[in-house]
Amino acid sequence: MGNVNKSLKDIGSFMKLPGANLFISSTKDLFNWAQKSSLWPLSFGLACCAIEMMATFSSRYDLDRLGMITRASPRQADLMIVAGTVTVKMAERIKTLYDQMAGPKWVIAAGSCAISGDHYRHIYSVVPGVDWVIPVDVYVPGCPPTPEAFIDGILELQKIIGKGKTSPTYNTSSIPEEKTLSPLEVAKPVKKSKNLIESKFIDKNEILNFSKELKNNGFTYLKFITATDFDSNIVLTYLLGNNTRNKDVEFNIQLGEDLTIDSLSDIYSGADWQEREVFDLFGIRFIGHPNLKRIMMPDEWIGHPLRKDYVMDAHFYPYRPTRKEYEKWKTEL
């Protein structure tokens, strides 16, 4: 920590004058010393590594002694600690927050997922490292990194700022003009000998009357709506609960090529959110839904991730490169 804890005497000299003291230093060294000694990190977290970051900023470790004061607004912060998995949807928000931060500004990528995507790196919704979104100055490895590792990363950043030599890492795709997913390829079908769901099936044209009758009989709680892709068809599954009688009813609907069905949002308020999720992940359209749009994936996302014909390792520019680009980038490190 010798070079980190520089005092004013390390960046200049004092001269005693009659009635006063004079300090002589370069403005560059003085500003670097002030900036490293008063880092104001933005307080936000993405996943499990954020819990360790919270512990680091607790009273046990007392980062105030390093000049670290967390800020809730990006306009008052100059350090972003990215702690957790970066998804494509969150990448846009991270970029917006980074752009709103005051300059000069720095970034610490904390944890394996923030650094490289870790074991999620080839999943459709995850960015293989936050340096595909914003420039990163310091990497803190670990899953999750301990508070001591966080502090070591902060001290390393202070050392870099104190020297006035920053060279952040930033990756860009070689095909920047493409902004959306590549066309979906048809995956090889998974063979199933039979439909594994052994429950009551109803005709999809009867769903409104059937649901109203169940609600009149006390099944007022819509527990979930989900779907299963069985290659030849998609099956919708509904589970309704009667809290008075402590009883559940499950029914299923087999959809053909026409992936549309009436919405239950006017009967069960909980259907609003759950139908949006099924639409997002399976592409089933619910007729009469008041706001049927994506809820998990970005609005411009192509395809539905839980369908059998969906390619998991698809790219999404500018935050997810192709597998070939990513593998090439690793060899160039």
Protein backbone atom coordinates (compact mmCIF):
# COMPACT_ATOMS: atom_id res chain seq x y z
CA MET A 1 0.00 0.00 0.00
CA GLY A 2 3.05 2.23 -0.02
CA ASN A 3 2.32 4.04 -3.27
CA VAL A 4 -1.40 4.21 -2.58
CA ASN A 5 -1.35 6.16 0.67
CA LYS A 6 0.52 9.14 -0.65
CA SER A 7 0.42 12.27 1.43
CA LEU A 8 0.87 15.79 0.10
CA LYS A 9 4.56 15.52 0.93
CA ASP A 10 4.87 12.74 -1.70
CA ILE A 11 3.58 14.91 -4.54
CA GLY A 12 5.20 18.22 -3.70
CA SER A 13 7.21 20.18 -1.14
CA PHE A 14 6.45 22.62 1.64
CA MET A 15 8.27 25.89 2.13
CA LYS A 16 8.10 27.84 5.34
CA LEU A 17 7.62 31.55 4.84
CA PRO A 18 7.20 34.31 7.43
CA GLY A 19 3.67 33.96 8.73
CA ALA A 20 2.63 31.21 6.26
CA ASN A 21 3.55 27.91 4.58
CA LEU A 22 3.82 27.44 0.82
CA PHE A 23 3.12 24.12 -0.91
CA ILE A 24 4.64 23.60 -4.38
CA SER A 25 3.36 20.86 -6.71
CA SER A 26 2.10 20.36 -10.25
CA THR A 27 -1.63 20.69 -10.82
CA LYS A 28 -1.63 17.26 -12.48
CA ASP A 29 -0.20 15.52 -9.41
CA LEU A 30 -2.48 17.49 -7.10
CA PHE A 31 -5.64 16.64 -9.07
CA ASN A 32 -4.65 12.98 -9.31
CA TRP A 33 -4.11 12.85 -5.55
CA ALA A 34 -7.47 14.53 -4.92
CA GLN A 35 -9.35 12.26 -7.32
CA LYS A 36 -7.95 9.01 -5.95
CA SER A 37 -8.63 10.14 -2.39
CA SER A 38 -12.29 11.03 -2.96
CA LEU A 39 -13.88 8.30 -5.09
CA TRP A 40 -17.68 8.39 -5.02
CA PRO A 41 -19.05 5.04 -6.25
CA LEU A 42 -22.53 4.64 -7.66
CA SER A 43 -24.64 2.45 -5.38
CA PHE A 44 -26.24 -0.28 -7.48
CA GLY A 45 -25.77 -4.02 -7.86
CA LEU A 46 -26.73 -6.64 -10.42
CA ALA A 47 -26.53 -10.08 -8.81
CA CYS A 48 -24.98 -12.08 -5.95
CA CYS A 49 -21.62 -10.24 -6.07
CA ALA A 50 -23.50 -7.12 -5.01
CA ILE A 51 -24.05 -8.72 -1.56
CA GLU A 52 -20.30 -8.89 -1.07
CA MET A 53 -20.02 -5.30 -2.27
CA MET A 54 -22.59 -4.25 0.35
CA ALA A 55 -20.55 -6.06 3.01
CA THR A 56 -17.44 -4.20 1.83
CA PHE A 57 -19.16 -0.86 2.36
CA SER A 58 -20.43 -1.83 5.81
CA SER A 59 -18.97 -0.61 9.11
CA ARG A 60 -16.72 -3.67 9.48
CA TYR A 61 -14.44 -2.52 6.65
CA ASP A 62 -15.07 1.23 6.88
CA LEU A 63 -14.27 2.39 3.34
CA ASP A 64 -14.92 5.98 4.42
CA ARG A 65 -11.29 6.03 5.53
CA LEU A 66 -10.33 5.67 1.83
CA GLY A 67 -12.51 8.60 0.81
CA MET A 68 -15.23 6.26 -0.53
CA ILE A 69 -18.72 7.72 -0.21
CA THR A 70 -21.51 5.96 -2.10
CA ARG A 71 -23.91 8.10 -4.11
CA ALA A 72 -27.42 7.23 -5.27
CA SER A 73 -27.24 9.44 -8.34
CA PRO A 74 -24.89 8.85 -11.31
CA ARG A 75 -24.51 12.62 -11.70
CA GLN A 76 -22.72 12.73 -8.34
CA ALA A 77 -20.61 9.59 -8.84
CA ASP A 78 -17.27 9.01 -10.56
CA LEU A 79 -16.81 5.25 -9.93
CA MET A 80 -19.04 2.41 -11.13
CA ILE A 81 -18.55 -1.01 -9.51
CA VAL A 82 -20.28 -3.59 -11.70
CA ALA A 83 -20.98 -6.47 -9.32
CA GLY A 84 -22.92 -9.35 -10.86
CA THR A 85 -24.09 -10.84 -14.13
CA VAL A 86 -24.68 -8.34 -16.93
CA THR A 87 -27.67 -9.24 -19.12
CA VAL A 88 -28.33 -7.76 -22.54
CA LYS A 89 -31.40 -5.98 -21.19
CA MET A 90 -29.41 -4.48 -18.28
CA ALA A 91 -26.54 -3.49 -20.59
CA GLU A 92 -28.57 -0.59 -21.96
CA ARG A 93 -29.23 0.68 -18.42
CA ILE A 94 -25.57 0.33 -17.42
CA LYS A 95 -24.51 2.31 -20.49
CA THR A 96 -27.06 5.03 -19.66
CA LEU A 97 -25.88 5.28 -16.05
CA TYR A 98 -22.25 5.38 -17.15
CA ASP A 99 -22.95 8.17 -19.65
CA GLN A 100 -24.67 10.19 -16.90
CA MET A 101 -21.72 9.94 -14.52
CA ALA A 102 -19.42 12.90 -14.02
CA GLY A 103 -15.97 12.77 -15.60
CA PRO A 104 -13.30 11.74 -15.10
CA LYS A 105 -14.84 8.38 -14.21
CA TRP A 106 -13.68 4.83 -13.65
CA VAL A 107 -15.14 1.30 -13.68
CA ILE A 108 -14.37 -1.79 -11.60
CA ALA A 109 -15.69 -5.15 -12.88
CA ALA A 110 -16.18 -7.29 -9.79
CA GLY A 111 -16.80 -11.03 -9.99
CA SER A 112 -16.41 -13.67 -12.68
CA CYS A 113 -19.77 -12.89 -14.31
CA ALA A 114 -19.08 -9.17 -14.67
CA ILE A 115 -15.61 -9.94 -16.04
CA SER A 116 -16.42 -12.68 -18.57
CA GLY A 117 -19.99 -13.87 -18.11
CA ASP A 118 -18.47 -16.94 -16.40
CA HIS A 119 -20.60 -20.09 -16.92
CA TYR A 120 -23.40 -17.93 -18.41
CA ARG A 121 -21.21 -16.43 -21.14
CA HIS A 122 -22.77 -18.42 -24.00
CA ILE A 123 -26.39 -18.00 -22.87
CA TYR A 124 -28.55 -15.85 -25.15
CA SER A 125 -29.35 -13.17 -22.56
CA VAL A 126 -25.90 -12.62 -20.97
CA VAL A 127 -23.12 -10.25 -22.02
CA PRO A 128 -19.70 -12.01 -21.93
CA GLY A 129 -18.11 -9.32 -19.80
CA VAL A 130 -19.15 -5.76 -19.02
CA ASP A 131 -16.19 -4.45 -21.06
CA TRP A 132 -18.34 -5.15 -24.13
CA VAL A 133 -20.58 -2.34 -22.82
CA ILE A 134 -18.36 0.21 -21.07
CA PRO A 135 -14.57 0.58 -20.56
CA VAL A 136 -13.20 -1.21 -17.47
CA ASP A 137 -10.18 -0.02 -15.49
CA VAL A 138 -9.79 -2.77 -12.84
CA TYR A 139 -10.93 -6.42 -12.70
CA VAL A 140 -11.62 -8.13 -9.36
CA PRO A 141 -11.93 -11.91 -9.88
CA GLY A 142 -13.91 -14.28 -7.69
CA CYS A 143 -17.28 -15.98 -7.43
CA PRO A 144 -18.01 -13.96 -5.46
CA PRO A 145 -14.97 -11.83 -4.58
CA THR A 146 -14.52 -11.29 -0.86
CA PRO A 147 -14.64 -7.81 0.71
CA GLU A 148 -10.86 -7.99 0.98
CA ALA A 149 -10.69 -8.57 -2.80
CA PHE A 150 -13.00 -5.58 -3.37
CA ILE A 151 -10.72 -3.41 -1.25
CA ASP A 152 -7.65 -4.68 -3.11
CA GLY A 153 -9.30 -3.69 -6.40
CA ILE A 154 -10.14 -0.23 -5.05
CA LEU A 155 -6.55 0.25 -3.87
CA GLU A 156 -5.30 -0.82 -7.29
CA LEU A 157 -7.59 1.74 -8.92
CA GLN A 158 -6.32 4.44 -6.55
CA LYS A 159 -2.78 3.52 -7.56
CA ILE A 160 -3.69 3.86 -11.26
CA ILE A 161 -5.40 7.23 -10.70
CA GLY A 162 -2.50 8.47 -8.61
CA LYS A 163 -0.08 7.74 -11.45
CA GLY A 164 -2.38 9.45 -13.94
CA LYS A 165 -2.02 6.57 -16.41
CA THR A 166 -5.30 4.87 -17.24
CA SER A 167 -5.76 2.39 -20.10
CA PRO A 168 -9.22 0.86 -19.68
CA THR A 169 -10.26 -2.31 -21.53
CA TYR A 170 -13.10 -1.94 -24.01
CA ASN A 171 -14.23 -4.52 -26.55
CA THR A 172 -16.20 -3.81 -29.71
CA SER A 173 -17.74 -6.12 -32.24
CA SER A 174 -16.19 -6.35 -35.68
CA ILE A 175 -19.66 -6.04 -37.25
CA PRO A 176 -21.02 -2.86 -35.61
CA GLU A 177 -23.60 -2.19 -38.31
CA GLU A 178 -25.69 -5.17 -37.23
CA LYS A 179 -27.87 -4.21 -34.29
CA THR A 180 -30.12 -7.23 -33.82
CA LEU A 181 -30.00 -10.98 -33.54
CA SER A 182 -28.96 -13.11 -36.45
CA PRO A 183 -31.75 -15.02 -38.23
CA LEU A 184 -32.81 -17.99 -36.14
CA GLU A 185 -31.72 -21.41 -37.24
CA VAL A 186 -33.89 -24.46 -36.72
CA ALA A 187 -32.42 -26.69 -34.04
CA LYS A 188 -32.56 -30.47 -34.24
CA PRO A 189 -35.83 -31.67 -32.69
CA VAL A 190 -35.73 -33.50 -29.40
CA LYS A 191 -37.56 -36.81 -29.68
CA LYS A 192 -40.26 -37.52 -27.13
CA SER A 193 -42.23 -40.72 -27.11
CA LYS A 194 -45.37 -39.17 -25.66
CA ASN A 195 -46.86 -36.11 -24.07
CA LEU A 196 -45.66 -36.17 -20.47
CA ILE A 197 -48.48 -34.03 -19.14
CA GLU A 198 -51.31 -36.21 -17.81
CA SER A 199 -53.92 -33.68 -16.84
CA LYS A 200 -57.29 -32.40 -17.98
CA PHE A 201 -57.28 -30.91 -21.48
CA ILE A 202 -59.91 -28.49 -22.71
CA ASP A 203 -60.62 -26.85 -26.06
CA LYS A 204 -59.00 -23.42 -26.31
CA ASN A 205 -62.31 -21.89 -27.43
CA GLU A 206 -63.80 -22.84 -24.04
CA ILE A 207 -61.17 -21.21 -21.87
CA LEU A 208 -63.17 -18.09 -20.94
CA ASN A 209 -66.32 -19.95 -19.93
CA PHE A 210 -64.31 -22.68 -18.19
CA SER A 211 -62.27 -20.13 -16.19
CA LYS A 212 -65.36 -18.11 -15.19
CA GLU A 213 -67.04 -21.27 -13.93
CA LEU A 214 -63.97 -22.20 -11.87
CA LYS A 215 -63.81 -18.71 -10.38
CA ASN A 216 -67.50 -18.88 -9.46
CA ASN A 217 -66.73 -22.17 -7.68
CA GLY A 218 -64.13 -20.49 -5.47
CA PHE A 219 -60.96 -20.91 -7.53
CA THR A 220 -60.09 -17.23 -7.31
CA TYR A 221 -56.30 -17.49 -7.22
CA LEU A 222 -54.39 -17.88 -10.49
CA LYS A 223 -51.17 -19.54 -9.34
CA PHE A 224 -49.38 -19.70 -12.67
CA ILE A 225 -49.57 -19.91 -16.45
CA THR A 226 -46.79 -21.70 -18.24
CA ALA A 227 -46.15 -23.52 -21.50
CA THR A 228 -44.22 -26.53 -22.78
CA ASP A 229 -42.86 -27.01 -26.29
CA PHE A 230 -43.41 -30.63 -27.35
CA ASP A 231 -41.97 -30.20 -30.87
CA SER A 232 -45.25 -30.98 -32.67
CA ASN A 233 -47.29 -28.61 -30.52
CA ILE A 234 -47.16 -26.22 -27.59
CA VAL A 235 -49.20 -26.98 -24.48
CA LEU A 236 -50.43 -24.22 -22.18
CA THR A 237 -50.84 -25.11 -18.51
CA TYR A 238 -52.96 -23.18 -16.00
CA LEU A 239 -53.08 -23.77 -12.24
CA LEU A 240 -55.92 -22.24 -10.18
CA GLY A 241 -56.25 -22.35 -6.41
CA ASN A 242 -59.17 -22.35 -3.98
CA ASN A 243 -57.73 -20.97 -0.76
CA THR A 244 -60.89 -21.66 1.23
CA ARG A 245 -60.93 -25.37 0.43
CA ASN A 246 -57.14 -25.64 0.05
CA LYS A 247 -57.57 -27.23 -3.35
CA ASP A 248 -55.97 -26.70 -6.76
CA VAL A 249 -57.22 -27.31 -10.29
CA GLU A 250 -54.90 -27.72 -13.28
CA PHE A 251 -56.02 -27.67 -16.89
CA ASN A 252 -54.14 -27.72 -20.18
CA ILE A 253 -54.73 -26.48 -23.69
CA GLN A 254 -53.03 -27.91 -26.73
CA LEU A 255 -52.23 -25.26 -29.34
CA GLY A 256 -51.78 -26.06 -33.00
CA GLU A 257 -50.08 -23.87 -35.56
CA ASP A 258 -52.22 -20.94 -34.46
CA LEU A 259 -50.44 -19.70 -31.31
CA THR A 260 -53.28 -17.44 -30.14
CA ILE A 261 -55.72 -17.79 -27.27
CA ASP A 262 -58.11 -15.58 -25.30
CA SER A 263 -56.60 -13.62 -22.42
CA LEU A 264 -57.75 -14.22 -18.83
CA SER A 265 -56.67 -10.74 -17.74
CA ASP A 266 -60.30 -9.59 -17.37
CA ILE A 267 -61.06 -12.58 -15.12
CA TYR A 268 -57.82 -12.88 -13.13
CA SER A 269 -55.69 -9.78 -12.61
CA GLY A 270 -52.62 -11.97 -12.12
CA ALA A 271 -52.89 -13.12 -15.73
CA ASP A 272 -51.64 -9.73 -16.94
CA TRP A 273 -48.03 -10.32 -15.91
CA GLN A 274 -47.97 -14.10 -16.48
CA GLU A 275 -49.39 -13.93 -20.00
CA ARG A 276 -46.75 -11.37 -20.91
CA GLU A 277 -44.04 -13.75 -19.69
CA VAL A 278 -45.45 -16.65 -21.74
CA PHE A 279 -45.71 -14.38 -24.78
CA ASP A 280 -42.11 -13.23 -24.31
CA LEU A 281 -40.61 -16.71 -23.93
CA PHE A 282 -42.91 -18.82 -26.18
CA GLY A 283 -44.48 -16.36 -28.63
CA ILE A 284 -48.10 -17.19 -27.69
CA ARG A 285 -50.42 -14.23 -28.29
CA PHE A 286 -53.22 -13.61 -25.80
CA ILE A 287 -56.19 -11.94 -27.48
CA GLY A 288 -57.64 -9.10 -25.40
CA HIS A 289 -54.56 -8.55 -23.23
CA PRO A 290 -54.30 -4.81 -22.39
CA ASN A 291 -50.50 -4.53 -22.79
CA LEU A 292 -49.04 -7.57 -24.53
CA LYS A 293 -45.35 -6.78 -24.95
CA ARG A 294 -42.07 -8.27 -23.82
CA ILE A 295 -41.43 -8.29 -20.09
CA MET A 296 -38.02 -9.98 -19.82
CA MET A 297 -36.23 -9.56 -23.15
CA PRO A 298 -35.61 -6.21 -24.91
CA ASP A 299 -38.43 -5.07 -27.19
CA GLU A 300 -36.36 -5.55 -30.35
CA TRP A 301 -35.32 -9.12 -29.46
CA ILE A 302 -35.98 -11.63 -32.23
CA GLY A 303 -37.37 -15.06 -31.33
CA HIS A 304 -38.61 -16.67 -28.13
CA PRO A 305 -35.93 -18.29 -25.93
CA LEU A 306 -37.94 -21.24 -24.56
CA ARG A 307 -38.98 -22.54 -27.96
CA LYS A 308 -37.24 -25.69 -29.20
CA ASP A 309 -36.23 -24.00 -32.46
CA TYR A 310 -34.40 -21.19 -30.64
CA VAL A 311 -30.59 -21.02 -30.87
CA MET A 312 -29.23 -20.42 -27.37
CA ASP A 313 -25.84 -19.05 -28.42
CA ALA A 314 -27.25 -16.30 -30.65
CA HIS A 315 -25.55 -12.92 -30.86
CA PHE A 316 -27.05 -9.54 -30.11
CA TYR A 317 -25.07 -6.50 -31.20
CA PRO A 318 -23.46 -4.50 -29.81
CA TYR A 319 -23.35 -6.32 -26.45
CA ARG A 320 -23.18 -9.99 -27.44
CA PRO A 321 -20.64 -10.96 -30.14
CA THR A 322 -20.89 -14.15 -32.14
CA ARG A 323 -19.31 -17.27 -30.67
CA LYS A 324 -16.58 -17.05 -33.34
CA GLU A 325 -15.80 -13.42 -32.46
CA TYR A 326 -15.70 -14.23 -28.76
CA GLU A 327 -13.34 -17.18 -29.19
CA LYS A 328 -11.07 -15.07 -31.41
CA TRP A 329 -11.03 -12.29 -28.80
CA LYS A 330 -9.91 -14.77 -26.11
CA THR A 331 -6.90 -15.87 -28.21
CA GLU A 332 -5.81 -12.24 -28.63
CA LEU A 333 -5.59 -11.55 -24.89
